[in-house]
């Protein structure tokens, strides 16, 4: 069954099989090494040792494949079901730390840095599809789920804020700081910045000092 229809739904969860994930990892490698032009169905089929027919069945056309690649990268940031995340105050805080840790792992990873550099290089083009996908299937998808997680915490009186978007932007800023920009510019993260869980714990602690109920 093709995944293309699901990819066209802005915030719908997409579940990939292990084989599809392996293929998408190969696609990410092609994008990082050779840019968007390097991601062709023929090249991916050869690199991933699969048929072009399978690629079309799973992802649709090349645009669907590119959308799947970005959605797969964003899916590495996991979100628990609300019932599990808000079982108690400590569990909720643990899930916030886990979210921030995975967000940093994705943003600071070589693949995401390369994809963002590639998109920035195309930003003056009218057809910068990669940039739009990184926003819609990446940043916006993650932020929508993060806002829902924060709203769940507010509903259980673990957090106190007026605007979920504003609260998320504060959490994002506390966690990411200027590290992502510096990585995009070619700087290497420090040892402390590579301690992603430690950075996430510090960010959530500061976040609770502002929004803890």
C-alpha atoms as a PDB file:
ATOM      1  CA  UNK A   1       0.000   0.000   0.000  1.00  0.00           C
ATOM      2  CA  UNK A   2       1.402   3.378  -0.975  1.00  0.00           C
ATOM      3  CA  UNK A   3       2.261   5.857   1.767  1.00  0.00           C
ATOM      4  CA  UNK A   4       1.853   8.860  -0.510  1.00  0.00           C
ATOM      5  CA  UNK A   5      -1.714   9.771   0.624  1.00  0.00           C
ATOM      6  CA  UNK A   6      -0.626   9.858   4.281  1.00  0.00           C
ATOM      7  CA  UNK A   7       2.297  12.111   3.460  1.00  0.00           C
ATOM      8  CA  UNK A   8      -0.091  14.642   1.983  1.00  0.00           C
ATOM      9  CA  UNK A   9      -1.865  15.021   5.348  1.00  0.00           C
ATOM     10  CA  UNK A  10       0.028  17.698   7.217  1.00  0.00           C
ATOM     11  CA  UNK A  11       0.174  16.315  10.757  1.00  0.00           C
ATOM     12  CA  UNK A  12      -0.816  12.694  10.313  1.00  0.00           C
ATOM     13  CA  UNK A  13       1.423  10.072  11.895  1.00  0.00           C
ATOM     14  CA  UNK A  14       3.342   7.989   9.378  1.00  0.00           C
ATOM     15  CA  UNK A  15       4.594   4.545  10.328  1.00  0.00           C
ATOM     16  CA  UNK A  16       7.346   3.074   8.177  1.00  0.00           C
ATOM     17  CA  UNK A  17       8.334  -0.568   8.079  1.00  0.00           C
ATOM     18  CA  UNK A  18      11.939  -1.497   8.964  1.00  0.00           C
ATOM     19  CA  UNK A  19      12.659  -2.071   5.268  1.00  0.00           C
ATOM     20  CA  UNK A  20      11.227   1.329   4.319  1.00  0.00           C
ATOM     21  CA  UNK A  21      13.273   2.956   7.084  1.00  0.00           C
ATOM     22  CA  UNK A  22      16.439   1.355   5.705  1.00  0.00           C
ATOM     23  CA  UNK A  23      15.605   2.706   2.246  1.00  0.00           C
ATOM     24  CA  UNK A  24      14.902   6.172   3.635  1.00  0.00           C
ATOM     25  CA  UNK A  25      18.249   6.139   5.459  1.00  0.00           C
ATOM     26  CA  UNK A  26      19.872   5.491   2.071  1.00  0.00           C
ATOM     27  CA  UNK A  27      17.854   8.360   0.615  1.00  0.00           C
ATOM     28  CA  UNK A  28      19.069  10.659   3.382  1.00  0.00           C
ATOM     29  CA  UNK A  29      22.630   9.627   2.584  1.00  0.00           C
ATOM     30  CA  UNK A  30      22.156  10.506  -1.075  1.00  0.00           C
ATOM     31  CA  UNK A  31      20.686  13.902  -0.168  1.00  0.00           C
ATOM     32  CA  UNK A  32      23.505  14.721   2.219  1.00  0.00           C
ATOM     33  CA  UNK A  33      26.238  13.652  -0.183  1.00  0.00           C
ATOM     34  CA  UNK A  34      24.897  14.937  -3.469  1.00  0.00           C
ATOM     35  CA  UNK A  35      22.037  17.315  -2.836  1.00  0.00           C
ATOM     36  CA  UNK A  36      18.441  17.083  -4.025  1.00  0.00           C
ATOM     37  CA  UNK A  37      19.446  16.227  -7.601  1.00  0.00           C
ATOM     38  CA  UNK A  38      21.201  13.093  -6.322  1.00  0.00           C
ATOM     39  CA  UNK A  39      17.923  11.701  -4.979  1.00  0.00           C
ATOM     40  CA  UNK A  40      16.531   9.825  -7.977  1.00  0.00           C
ATOM     41  CA  UNK A  41      14.463   6.666  -7.947  1.00  0.00           C
ATOM     42  CA  UNK A  42      17.069   4.896 -10.074  1.00  0.00           C
ATOM     43  CA  UNK A  43      19.930   5.962  -7.828  1.00  0.00           C
ATOM     44  CA  UNK A  44      18.056   5.094  -4.653  1.00  0.00           C
ATOM     45  CA  UNK A  45      16.957   1.717  -5.988  1.00  0.00           C
ATOM     46  CA  UNK A  46      20.574   0.909  -6.793  1.00  0.00           C
ATOM     47  CA  UNK A  47      21.932   2.163  -3.453  1.00  0.00           C
ATOM     48  CA  UNK A  48      19.221   0.549  -1.331  1.00  0.00           C
ATOM     49  CA  UNK A  49      19.157  -2.669  -3.374  1.00  0.00           C
ATOM     50  CA  UNK A  50      15.446  -2.516  -4.073  1.00  0.00           C
ATOM     51  CA  UNK A  51      13.283  -2.157  -7.165  1.00  0.00           C
ATOM     52  CA  UNK A  52      11.953   1.105  -8.530  1.00  0.00           C
ATOM     53  CA  UNK A  53       8.512  -0.515  -8.475  1.00  0.00           C
ATOM     54  CA  UNK A  54       8.778  -0.864  -4.688  1.00  0.00           C
ATOM     55  CA  UNK A  55       9.756   2.783  -4.348  1.00  0.00           C
ATOM     56  CA  UNK A  56       6.750   3.917  -6.374  1.00  0.00           C
ATOM     57  CA  UNK A  57       4.466   1.601  -4.387  1.00  0.00           C
ATOM     58  CA  UNK A  58       5.696   2.907  -1.043  1.00  0.00           C
ATOM     59  CA  UNK A  59       6.245   6.596  -1.705  1.00  0.00           C
ATOM     60  CA  UNK A  60       4.642   7.531  -5.012  1.00  0.00           C
ATOM     61  CA  UNK A  61       6.565   9.908  -7.262  1.00  0.00           C
ATOM     62  CA  UNK A  62       9.843  11.698  -6.515  1.00  0.00           C
ATOM     63  CA  UNK A  63       8.060  14.471  -4.616  1.00  0.00           C
ATOM     64  CA  UNK A  64       6.393  11.829  -2.445  1.00  0.00           C
ATOM     65  CA  UNK A  65       9.775  10.250  -1.829  1.00  0.00           C
ATOM     66  CA  UNK A  66      11.276  13.574  -0.755  1.00  0.00           C
ATOM     67  CA  UNK A  67       8.319  14.196   1.553  1.00  0.00           C
ATOM     68  CA  UNK A  68       8.750  10.730   3.051  1.00  0.00           C
ATOM     69  CA  UNK A  69      12.448  11.382   3.686  1.00  0.00           C
ATOM     70  CA  UNK A  70      11.681  14.571   5.640  1.00  0.00           C
ATOM     71  CA  UNK A  71       8.770  12.950   7.496  1.00  0.00           C
ATOM     72  CA  UNK A  72      10.994  10.010   8.443  1.00  0.00           C
ATOM     73  CA  UNK A  73      13.675  12.330   9.803  1.00  0.00           C
ATOM     74  CA  UNK A  74      11.062  14.198  11.870  1.00  0.00           C
ATOM     75  CA  UNK A  75       9.606  10.903  13.142  1.00  0.00           C
ATOM     76  CA  UNK A  76      12.844  10.295  15.064  1.00  0.00           C
ATOM     77  CA  UNK A  77      11.438  12.709  17.656  1.00  0.00           C
ATOM     78  CA  UNK A  78       8.949  10.512  19.508  1.00  0.00           C
ATOM     79  CA  UNK A  79       5.870  11.540  21.447  1.00  0.00           C
ATOM     80  CA  UNK A  80       4.072   9.346  23.991  1.00  0.00           C
ATOM     81  CA  UNK A  81       0.287   8.957  24.061  1.00  0.00           C
ATOM     82  CA  UNK A  82      -1.294  11.541  26.350  1.00  0.00           C
ATOM     83  CA  UNK A  83      -2.549   8.897  28.773  1.00  0.00           C
ATOM     84  CA  UNK A  84       0.999   7.670  29.323  1.00  0.00           C
ATOM     85  CA  UNK A  85       2.685  11.063  29.336  1.00  0.00           C
ATOM     86  CA  UNK A  86       0.465  12.598  32.013  1.00  0.00           C
ATOM     87  CA  UNK A  87       0.148   9.658  34.413  1.00  0.00           C
ATOM     88  CA  UNK A  88       1.785  11.782  37.131  1.00  0.00           C
ATOM     89  CA  UNK A  89       3.887  14.912  37.408  1.00  0.00           C
ATOM     90  CA  UNK A  90       7.254  13.117  37.436  1.00  0.00           C
ATOM     91  CA  UNK A  91       6.335  10.963  34.431  1.00  0.00           C
ATOM     92  CA  UNK A  92       5.292  14.044  32.479  1.00  0.00           C
ATOM     93  CA  UNK A  93       8.542  15.823  33.291  1.00  0.00           C
ATOM     94  CA  UNK A  94      10.493  12.725  32.240  1.00  0.00           C
ATOM     95  CA  UNK A  95       8.691  12.730  28.880  1.00  0.00           C
ATOM     96  CA  UNK A  96       9.493  16.423  28.386  1.00  0.00           C
ATOM     97  CA  UNK A  97      13.179  15.697  28.981  1.00  0.00           C
ATOM     98  CA  UNK A  98      13.037  12.743  26.569  1.00  0.00           C
ATOM     99  CA  UNK A  99      11.388  14.943  23.929  1.00  0.00           C
ATOM    100  CA  UNK A 100      14.012  17.663  24.314  1.00  0.00           C
ATOM    101  CA  UNK A 101      16.814  15.091  24.151  1.00  0.00           C
ATOM    102  CA  UNK A 102      15.505  13.557  20.921  1.00  0.00           C
ATOM    103  CA  UNK A 103      14.883  16.998  19.423  1.00  0.00           C
ATOM    104  CA  UNK A 104      18.508  17.929  20.052  1.00  0.00           C
ATOM    105  CA  UNK A 105      19.719  14.596  18.681  1.00  0.00           C
ATOM    106  CA  UNK A 106      17.869  15.221  15.422  1.00  0.00           C
ATOM    107  CA  UNK A 107      18.715  18.917  15.071  1.00  0.00           C
ATOM    108  CA  UNK A 108      22.373  18.506  15.975  1.00  0.00           C
ATOM    109  CA  UNK A 109      22.850  15.362  13.891  1.00  0.00           C
ATOM    110  CA  UNK A 110      24.948  15.476  10.737  1.00  0.00           C
ATOM    111  CA  UNK A 111      21.960  14.620   8.541  1.00  0.00           C
ATOM    112  CA  UNK A 112      19.703  17.443   9.723  1.00  0.00           C
ATOM    113  CA  UNK A 113      22.532  19.965   9.583  1.00  0.00           C
ATOM    114  CA  UNK A 114      23.285  18.922   5.999  1.00  0.00           C
ATOM    115  CA  UNK A 115      19.600  19.054   4.979  1.00  0.00           C
ATOM    116  CA  UNK A 116      19.192  22.537   6.457  1.00  0.00           C
ATOM    117  CA  UNK A 117      22.362  23.767   4.777  1.00  0.00           C
ATOM    118  CA  UNK A 118      21.075  22.392   1.482  1.00  0.00           C
ATOM    119  CA  UNK A 119      17.709  24.084   1.937  1.00  0.00           C
ATOM    120  CA  UNK A 120      19.294  27.411   2.913  1.00  0.00           C
ATOM    121  CA  UNK A 121      21.379  27.264  -0.256  1.00  0.00           C
ATOM    122  CA  UNK A 122      18.146  26.993  -2.266  1.00  0.00           C
ATOM    123  CA  UNK A 123      16.198  29.591  -0.280  1.00  0.00           C
ATOM    124  CA  UNK A 124      16.229  32.185  -3.073  1.00  0.00           C
ATOM    125  CA  UNK A 125      14.570  29.755  -5.495  1.00  0.00           C
ATOM    126  CA  UNK A 126      10.822  29.739  -6.095  1.00  0.00           C
ATOM    127  CA  UNK A 127      10.835  25.933  -6.231  1.00  0.00           C
ATOM    128  CA  UNK A 128      12.632  25.298  -2.913  1.00  0.00           C
ATOM    129  CA  UNK A 129      10.493  22.251  -2.185  1.00  0.00           C
ATOM    130  CA  UNK A 130      12.981  20.893   0.332  1.00  0.00           C
ATOM    131  CA  UNK A 131      12.701  24.055   2.420  1.00  0.00           C
ATOM    132  CA  UNK A 132       8.901  23.903   2.407  1.00  0.00           C
ATOM    133  CA  UNK A 133       8.970  20.229   3.355  1.00  0.00           C
ATOM    134  CA  UNK A 134      11.416  20.822   6.192  1.00  0.00           C
ATOM    135  CA  UNK A 135       9.012  23.425   7.549  1.00  0.00           C
ATOM    136  CA  UNK A 136       5.708  21.600   7.044  1.00  0.00           C
ATOM    137  CA  UNK A 137       6.687  17.940   7.499  1.00  0.00           C
ATOM    138  CA  UNK A 138       9.522  18.671   9.912  1.00  0.00           C
ATOM    139  CA  UNK A 139       9.409  21.766  12.105  1.00  0.00           C
ATOM    140  CA  UNK A 140       5.646  22.344  12.039  1.00  0.00           C
ATOM    141  CA  UNK A 141       4.834  18.682  12.612  1.00  0.00           C
ATOM    142  CA  UNK A 142       7.141  18.451  15.618  1.00  0.00           C
ATOM    143  CA  UNK A 143       5.961  21.763  17.088  1.00  0.00           C
ATOM    144  CA  UNK A 144       2.283  20.785  16.743  1.00  0.00           C
ATOM    145  CA  UNK A 145       2.845  17.558  18.673  1.00  0.00           C
ATOM    146  CA  UNK A 146       4.990  19.355  21.250  1.00  0.00           C
ATOM    147  CA  UNK A 147       2.258  21.938  21.826  1.00  0.00           C
ATOM    148  CA  UNK A 148      -0.240  19.126  22.335  1.00  0.00           C
ATOM    149  CA  UNK A 149       2.092  17.572  24.907  1.00  0.00           C
ATOM    150  CA  UNK A 150       2.413  20.889  26.749  1.00  0.00           C
ATOM    151  CA  UNK A 151      -1.368  21.395  26.613  1.00  0.00           C
ATOM    152  CA  UNK A 152      -1.813  17.956  28.174  1.00  0.00           C
ATOM    153  CA  UNK A 153       0.510  19.006  30.976  1.00  0.00           C
ATOM    154  CA  UNK A 154      -1.432  22.217  31.508  1.00  0.00           C
ATOM    155  CA  UNK A 155      -4.704  20.265  31.592  1.00  0.00           C
ATOM    156  CA  UNK A 156      -3.308  18.155  34.449  1.00  0.00           C
ATOM    157  CA  UNK A 157      -2.043  21.284  36.238  1.00  0.00           C
ATOM    158  CA  UNK A 158       1.624  20.373  35.828  1.00  0.00           C
ATOM    159  CA  UNK A 159       2.255  23.544  33.829  1.00  0.00           C
ATOM    160  CA  UNK A 160       0.779  27.043  33.771  1.00  0.00           C
ATOM    161  CA  UNK A 161       0.825  29.218  30.648  1.00  0.00           C
ATOM    162  CA  UNK A 162      -1.544  31.269  28.509  1.00  0.00           C
ATOM    163  CA  UNK A 163      -0.314  30.343  25.034  1.00  0.00           C
ATOM    164  CA  UNK A 164       1.004  26.891  24.091  1.00  0.00           C
ATOM    165  CA  UNK A 165       2.921  28.196  21.073  1.00  0.00           C
ATOM    166  CA  UNK A 166       4.721  30.792  23.178  1.00  0.00           C
ATOM    167  CA  UNK A 167       5.514  28.180  25.837  1.00  0.00           C
ATOM    168  CA  UNK A 168       6.902  25.796  23.224  1.00  0.00           C
ATOM    169  CA  UNK A 169       9.071  28.501  21.671  1.00  0.00           C
ATOM    170  CA  UNK A 170      10.552  29.180  25.103  1.00  0.00           C
ATOM    171  CA  UNK A 171      11.258  25.461  25.653  1.00  0.00           C
ATOM    172  CA  UNK A 172      12.764  25.213  22.176  1.00  0.00           C
ATOM    173  CA  UNK A 173      14.986  28.226  22.759  1.00  0.00           C
ATOM    174  CA  UNK A 174      16.149  26.960  26.151  1.00  0.00           C
ATOM    175  CA  UNK A 175      17.044  23.575  24.675  1.00  0.00           C
ATOM    176  CA  UNK A 176      18.512  24.519  21.283  1.00  0.00           C
ATOM    177  CA  UNK A 177      19.950  27.947  22.163  1.00  0.00           C
ATOM    178  CA  UNK A 178      22.359  29.101  19.432  1.00  0.00           C
ATOM    179  CA  UNK A 179      24.012  25.702  18.967  1.00  0.00           C
ATOM    180  CA  UNK A 180      22.080  24.764  15.817  1.00  0.00           C
ATOM    181  CA  UNK A 181      23.031  28.036  14.112  1.00  0.00           C
ATOM    182  CA  UNK A 182      26.678  27.545  15.028  1.00  0.00           C
ATOM    183  CA  UNK A 183      26.620  23.990  13.670  1.00  0.00           C
ATOM    184  CA  UNK A 184      25.126  25.256  10.406  1.00  0.00           C
ATOM    185  CA  UNK A 185      27.998  27.726  10.199  1.00  0.00           C
ATOM    186  CA  UNK A 186      30.551  24.964  10.613  1.00  0.00           C
ATOM    187  CA  UNK A 187      31.412  25.201  14.301  1.00  0.00           C
ATOM    188  CA  UNK A 188      31.831  22.030  16.348  1.00  0.00           C
ATOM    189  CA  UNK A 189      29.682  21.518  19.439  1.00  0.00           C
ATOM    190  CA  UNK A 190      31.498  21.508  22.764  1.00  0.00           C
ATOM    191  CA  UNK A 191      31.651  18.434  24.984  1.00  0.00           C
ATOM    192  CA  UNK A 192      28.951  19.886  27.232  1.00  0.00           C
ATOM    193  CA  UNK A 193      26.718  20.597  24.224  1.00  0.00           C
ATOM    194  CA  UNK A 194      27.158  17.012  23.045  1.00  0.00           C
ATOM    195  CA  UNK A 195      25.720  15.831  26.366  1.00  0.00           C
ATOM    196  CA  UNK A 196      22.222  16.016  24.931  1.00  0.00           C
ATOM    197  CA  UNK A 197      20.359  14.590  27.917  1.00  0.00           C
ATOM    198  CA  UNK A 198      22.194  16.947  30.257  1.00  0.00           C
ATOM    199  CA  UNK A 199      21.309  19.907  28.048  1.00  0.00           C
ATOM    200  CA  UNK A 200      17.693  18.726  27.888  1.00  0.00           C
ATOM    201  CA  UNK A 201      17.456  18.370  31.690  1.00  0.00           C
ATOM    202  CA  UNK A 202      18.829  21.870  32.188  1.00  0.00           C
ATOM    203  CA  UNK A 203      16.392  23.279  29.618  1.00  0.00           C
ATOM    204  CA  UNK A 204      13.371  21.594  31.211  1.00  0.00           C
ATOM    205  CA  UNK A 205      14.450  22.743  34.677  1.00  0.00           C
ATOM    206  CA  UNK A 206      14.616  26.345  33.450  1.00  0.00           C
ATOM    207  CA  UNK A 207      11.313  25.870  31.619  1.00  0.00           C
ATOM    208  CA  UNK A 208       9.643  24.731  34.852  1.00  0.00           C
ATOM    209  CA  UNK A 209      10.992  27.779  36.658  1.00  0.00           C
ATOM    210  CA  UNK A 210       8.950  29.852  34.210  1.00  0.00           C
ATOM    211  CA  UNK A 211       5.893  27.696  33.569  1.00  0.00           C
ATOM    212  CA  UNK A 212       5.734  25.118  36.371  1.00  0.00           C
ATOM    213  CA  UNK A 213       2.360  25.139  38.086  1.00  0.00           C
END
